[in-house]
Amino acid sequence: MSEILFILIVIYIAYLVFKTKSDNGQSINDTVADVSIVKPPGKKIEELVVQAPIARQSPPKKARPAKSAAKPKPKANKLATPKIELRTVMMKNPATGEAAKVAGNYRMVKRWIKEALVEEGLLEKIYKNNEMDDLAKAKVAEALSIIKAMDKYKV
């Protein structure tokens, strides 16, 4: 019970902090300092309430400069990996008849598909997760796109 009470108190304090920060930079101390606590002689309380400032006006926001002409994009690196389609496909293991979804992520591919990639000669070896660099990712993506198109593995 005490843990729930503690969590609720923390949430309430976070709400108060967020609320005071989002009041255009105006904090609770600024609001309290604007209100006169001492009643001048001869004035009624209703008049004092009307005279108290409600909120400070925030300074006007500066206009952003207009965007200049479109910047030319840098040319693509010649060593950049080609875009390969990474759609999800159902594949069938010819040995066991097991069907599995295959996406473009090599880490999530089943073991038998990784072994099939090596058996078909599309990859040299089964890569470990820590061996996946940009070059290996490009090879794997190309190999997966080829094996997805093979009739032997289609459902």
Protein backbone atom coordinates (compact mmCIF):
# COMPACT_ATOMS: atom_id res chain seq x y z
CA MET A 1 0.00 0.00 0.00
CA SER A 2 2.82 2.38 0.83
CA GLU A 3 4.47 1.69 -2.55
CA ILE A 4 1.29 2.72 -4.37
CA LEU A 5 1.04 5.89 -2.29
CA PHE A 6 4.70 6.68 -3.03
CA ILE A 7 4.17 6.17 -6.79
CA LEU A 8 1.11 8.43 -6.78
CA ILE A 9 3.03 11.16 -4.94
CA VAL A 10 5.92 10.94 -7.42
CA ILE A 11 3.50 11.20 -10.34
CA TYR A 12 1.77 14.20 -8.77
CA ILE A 13 5.08 15.98 -8.18
CA ALA A 14 6.15 15.28 -11.76
CA TYR A 15 2.83 16.69 -12.97
CA LEU A 16 3.34 19.87 -10.93
CA VAL A 17 6.86 20.32 -12.26
CA PHE A 18 5.68 19.77 -15.84
CA LYS A 19 2.75 22.13 -15.39
CA THR A 20 4.89 24.93 -13.98
CA LYS A 21 7.48 24.52 -16.74
CA SER A 22 4.82 24.61 -19.46
CA ASP A 23 3.24 27.86 -18.24
CA ASN A 24 5.35 29.88 -20.71
CA GLY A 25 8.25 30.09 -18.31
CA GLN A 26 6.15 31.51 -15.50
CA SER A 27 6.73 29.80 -12.17
CA ILE A 28 4.55 29.73 -9.07
CA ASN A 29 6.88 32.16 -7.24
CA ASP A 30 6.46 34.77 -9.99
CA THR A 31 2.67 34.60 -9.69
CA VAL A 32 2.73 34.90 -5.89
CA ALA A 33 5.18 37.84 -6.01
CA ASP A 34 2.84 39.81 -8.29
CA VAL A 35 -0.05 39.76 -5.80
CA SER A 36 0.06 42.36 -3.04
CA ILE A 37 -0.62 40.72 0.34
CA VAL A 38 -0.76 43.89 2.49
CA LYS A 39 -4.12 45.68 2.29
CA PRO A 40 -3.74 49.43 1.82
CA PRO A 41 -5.98 51.45 4.13
CA GLY A 42 -9.28 52.60 2.68
CA LYS A 43 -9.62 49.95 -0.06
CA LYS A 44 -11.95 46.99 -0.11
CA ILE A 45 -10.78 43.41 -0.68
CA GLU A 46 -12.88 43.13 -3.87
CA GLU A 47 -10.97 46.06 -5.39
CA LEU A 48 -7.64 44.42 -4.54
CA VAL A 49 -8.67 41.19 -6.21
CA VAL A 50 -9.58 43.03 -9.39
CA GLN A 51 -6.29 44.98 -9.35
CA ALA A 52 -4.08 41.88 -8.97
CA PRO A 53 -2.46 40.84 -12.24
CA ILE A 54 -3.74 37.55 -13.59
CA ALA A 55 -0.74 36.34 -15.54
CA ARG A 56 2.40 37.75 -17.04
CA GLN A 57 2.47 38.20 -20.74
CA SER A 58 5.14 36.12 -22.43
CA PRO A 59 7.48 37.99 -24.76
CA PRO A 60 6.56 37.73 -28.43
CA LYS A 61 8.18 34.84 -30.22
CA LYS A 62 10.83 35.64 -32.76
CA ALA A 63 9.91 34.84 -36.33
CA ARG A 64 11.98 32.16 -37.94
CA PRO A 65 13.94 33.18 -40.98
CA ALA A 66 12.60 31.89 -44.26
CA LYS A 67 14.32 28.80 -45.58
CA SER A 68 16.86 29.48 -48.24
CA ALA A 69 16.94 27.69 -51.55
CA ALA A 70 16.91 23.93 -51.36
CA LYS A 71 20.31 22.55 -50.49
CA PRO A 72 21.69 20.08 -53.01
CA LYS A 73 21.86 16.57 -51.63
CA PRO A 74 25.28 14.97 -51.57
CA LYS A 75 25.90 12.35 -54.20
CA ALA A 76 25.53 8.76 -53.09
CA ASN A 77 28.67 6.88 -52.26
CA LYS A 78 29.66 4.39 -54.96
CA LEU A 79 30.33 1.78 -52.28
CA ALA A 80 26.82 2.10 -50.85
CA THR A 81 24.85 -1.10 -50.71
CA PRO A 82 22.12 -1.52 -53.31
CA LYS A 83 18.48 -1.41 -52.25
CA ILE A 84 17.12 -4.94 -52.05
CA GLU A 85 13.49 -5.76 -51.48
CA LEU A 86 12.96 -7.09 -47.96
CA ARG A 87 9.40 -8.35 -48.04
CA THR A 88 8.08 -11.14 -45.82
CA VAL A 89 7.63 -14.46 -47.61
CA MET A 90 6.54 -17.92 -46.49
CA MET A 91 9.18 -20.57 -47.17
CA LYS A 92 8.99 -24.35 -46.86
CA ASN A 93 11.78 -26.62 -45.65
CA PRO A 94 11.98 -29.36 -48.31
CA ALA A 95 13.37 -31.89 -45.81
CA THR A 96 10.74 -31.57 -43.08
CA GLY A 97 7.91 -29.67 -44.74
CA GLU A 98 8.02 -26.94 -42.06
CA ALA A 99 6.79 -23.55 -43.27
CA ALA A 100 8.25 -20.36 -41.83
CA LYS A 101 7.92 -16.63 -42.44
CA VAL A 102 11.13 -15.05 -43.67
CA ALA A 103 11.67 -11.32 -43.41
CA GLY A 104 14.76 -9.34 -44.34
CA ASN A 105 16.32 -9.53 -40.87
CA TYR A 106 19.00 -12.24 -40.85
CA ARG A 107 18.98 -12.46 -37.05
CA MET A 108 15.35 -13.56 -37.03
CA VAL A 109 15.71 -16.17 -39.78
CA LYS A 110 15.36 -19.79 -38.72
CA ARG A 111 18.43 -21.99 -38.57
CA TRP A 112 17.37 -24.25 -41.45
CA ILE A 113 17.10 -21.23 -43.76
CA LYS A 114 20.62 -20.12 -42.79
CA GLU A 115 21.86 -23.64 -43.52
CA ALA A 116 20.00 -23.62 -46.87
CA LEU A 117 21.73 -20.35 -47.81
CA VAL A 118 25.11 -22.03 -47.28
CA GLU A 119 24.07 -25.28 -49.05
CA GLU A 120 22.86 -23.37 -52.11
CA GLY A 121 26.18 -21.53 -52.27
CA LEU A 122 24.65 -18.10 -51.69
CA LEU A 123 26.73 -17.51 -48.53
CA GLU A 124 30.14 -18.79 -47.51
CA LYS A 125 29.13 -19.49 -43.91
CA ILE A 126 26.44 -18.91 -41.31
CA TYR A 127 27.14 -15.50 -39.84
CA LYS A 128 26.98 -14.82 -36.11
CA ASN A 129 25.23 -11.68 -34.89
CA ASN A 130 28.50 -9.96 -33.96
CA GLU A 131 29.95 -10.65 -37.44
CA MET A 132 27.26 -8.65 -39.23
CA ASP A 133 28.88 -5.55 -40.72
CA ASP A 134 27.61 -3.51 -43.68
CA LEU A 135 29.23 -5.74 -46.27
CA ALA A 136 27.88 -8.92 -44.67
CA LYS A 137 24.40 -7.40 -44.39
CA ALA A 138 24.43 -6.63 -48.10
CA LYS A 139 25.51 -10.18 -48.97
CA VAL A 140 22.86 -11.68 -46.68
CA ALA A 141 20.09 -9.45 -48.03
CA GLU A 142 20.96 -10.39 -51.60
CA ALA A 143 21.14 -14.09 -50.71
CA LEU A 144 17.76 -13.96 -48.92
CA SER A 145 16.13 -12.30 -51.91
CA ILE A 146 17.50 -15.04 -54.20
CA ILE A 147 16.43 -17.93 -51.98
CA LYS A 148 12.94 -16.47 -51.56
CA ALA A 149 12.50 -16.67 -55.33
CA MET A 150 13.59 -20.33 -55.61
CA ASP A 151 10.78 -22.77 -56.42
CA LYS A 152 12.33 -25.40 -54.14
CA TYR A 153 11.53 -23.35 -51.03
CA LYS A 154 8.16 -21.85 -52.00
CA VAL A 155 5.05 -22.90 -50.11
